[in-house]
Amino acid sequence: MAFQKTQVEAAERHTRQVNELQARHDSDMNSLRSQINELEGEIHLMKKDNEETMNQIEQDTKTEIDGIRDFGSQNKALVEDMGRKSKADLQLFKGYV
């Protein structure tokens, strides 16, 4: 009878320990799931911010490239005008000499 009582007590103690461990495990898993959800939300916001930043960089780059092209075109036209004026001045000078 004592042996059976010891077996029953051991089985009950084992069941209690397993239940405690399961409860602790469930609590830890819930905490980790909550952290995962928070991190996924943060990742989503970071992706959105990064996409907006990349779009702004692309737009700024296009604007700068267009500005450089316009400036280059204006300088080219100015240099061509200066060249034509110099050529005309040279021809006039040669005509006087």
Protein backbone atom coordinates (compact mmCIF):
# COMPACT_ATOMS: atom_id res chain seq x y z
CA MET A 1 0.00 0.00 0.00
CA ALA A 2 2.83 2.42 0.81
CA PHE A 3 4.43 1.67 -2.54
CA GLN A 4 1.21 2.49 -4.38
CA LYS A 5 0.82 5.69 -2.34
CA THR A 6 4.37 6.70 -3.25
CA GLN A 7 3.67 5.95 -6.90
CA VAL A 8 0.50 8.05 -6.81
CA GLU A 9 2.32 10.90 -5.07
CA ALA A 10 5.15 10.72 -7.59
CA ALA A 11 2.67 10.74 -10.48
CA GLU A 12 0.79 13.70 -8.98
CA ARG A 13 4.04 15.62 -8.37
CA HIS A 14 5.12 14.87 -11.93
CA THR A 15 1.77 16.09 -13.30
CA ARG A 16 2.03 19.30 -11.26
CA GLN A 17 5.56 19.95 -12.51
CA VAL A 18 4.56 19.29 -16.10
CA ASN A 19 1.56 21.62 -15.73
CA GLU A 20 3.76 24.34 -14.19
CA LEU A 21 6.30 23.95 -16.97
CA GLN A 22 3.55 24.01 -19.60
CA ALA A 23 2.07 27.18 -18.06
CA ARG A 24 5.49 28.85 -17.99
CA HIS A 25 6.10 27.75 -21.58
CA ASP A 26 2.71 29.09 -22.69
CA SER A 27 3.42 32.40 -20.95
CA ASP A 28 6.84 32.66 -22.59
CA MET A 29 5.37 31.84 -26.00
CA ASN A 30 2.68 34.52 -25.61
CA SER A 31 5.34 37.04 -24.64
CA LEU A 32 7.47 36.07 -27.65
CA ARG A 33 4.47 36.24 -29.99
CA SER A 34 3.75 39.72 -28.70
CA GLN A 35 7.36 40.76 -29.31
CA ILE A 36 7.23 39.28 -32.81
CA ASN A 37 4.07 41.26 -33.60
CA GLU A 38 5.68 44.48 -32.34
CA LEU A 39 8.83 43.86 -34.37
CA GLU A 40 6.84 43.05 -37.50
CA GLY A 41 4.97 46.34 -37.07
CA GLU A 42 8.26 48.22 -36.67
CA ILE A 43 9.70 46.49 -39.74
CA HIS A 44 6.63 47.47 -41.77
CA LEU A 45 7.00 51.12 -40.72
CA MET A 46 10.73 51.07 -41.48
CA LYS A 47 10.08 49.60 -44.95
CA LYS A 48 7.51 52.30 -45.63
CA ASP A 49 9.90 55.04 -44.46
CA ASN A 50 12.72 53.57 -46.56
CA GLU A 51 10.51 53.42 -49.65
CA GLU A 52 9.53 57.07 -49.18
CA THR A 53 13.19 58.02 -48.70
CA MET A 54 14.25 56.11 -51.82
CA ASN A 55 11.47 57.75 -53.87
CA GLN A 56 12.57 61.19 -52.64
CA ILE A 57 16.21 60.41 -53.47
CA GLU A 58 15.22 59.27 -56.96
CA GLN A 59 13.18 62.43 -57.53
CA ASP A 60 15.96 64.66 -56.21
CA THR A 61 18.50 62.87 -58.40
CA LYS A 62 16.34 63.32 -61.49
CA THR A 63 15.87 67.00 -60.67
CA GLU A 64 19.63 67.48 -60.22
CA ILE A 65 20.43 65.65 -63.46
CA ASP A 66 17.89 67.75 -65.34
CA GLY A 67 19.39 70.90 -63.79
CA ILE A 68 22.90 69.87 -64.80
CA ARG A 69 21.74 69.14 -68.36
CA ASP A 70 20.02 72.52 -68.58
CA PHE A 71 23.08 74.27 -67.20
CA GLY A 72 25.29 72.39 -69.67
CA SER A 73 23.01 73.35 -72.55
CA GLN A 74 23.07 77.00 -71.48
CA ASN A 75 26.86 76.95 -71.16
CA LYS A 76 27.19 75.29 -74.55
CA ALA A 77 25.01 77.96 -76.14
CA LEU A 78 27.00 80.70 -74.38
CA VAL A 79 30.32 79.22 -75.52
CA GLU A 80 29.02 78.89 -79.09
CA ASP A 81 27.87 82.53 -79.03
CA MET A 82 31.25 83.61 -77.66
CA GLY A 83 32.96 81.58 -80.38
CA ARG A 84 30.86 83.19 -83.11
CA LYS A 85 31.54 86.66 -81.67
CA SER A 86 35.26 85.96 -81.49
CA LYS A 87 35.23 84.69 -85.06
CA ALA A 88 33.36 87.80 -86.19
CA ASP A 89 35.76 90.06 -84.26
CA LEU A 90 38.72 88.25 -85.82
CA GLN A 91 37.27 88.62 -89.30
CA LEU A 92 36.66 92.32 -88.69
CA PHE A 93 40.18 92.72 -87.32
CA LYS A 94 41.64 90.95 -90.35
CA GLY A 95 39.61 93.23 -92.57
CA TYR A 96 41.18 96.30 -90.94
CA VAL A 97 44.70 94.97 -91.11
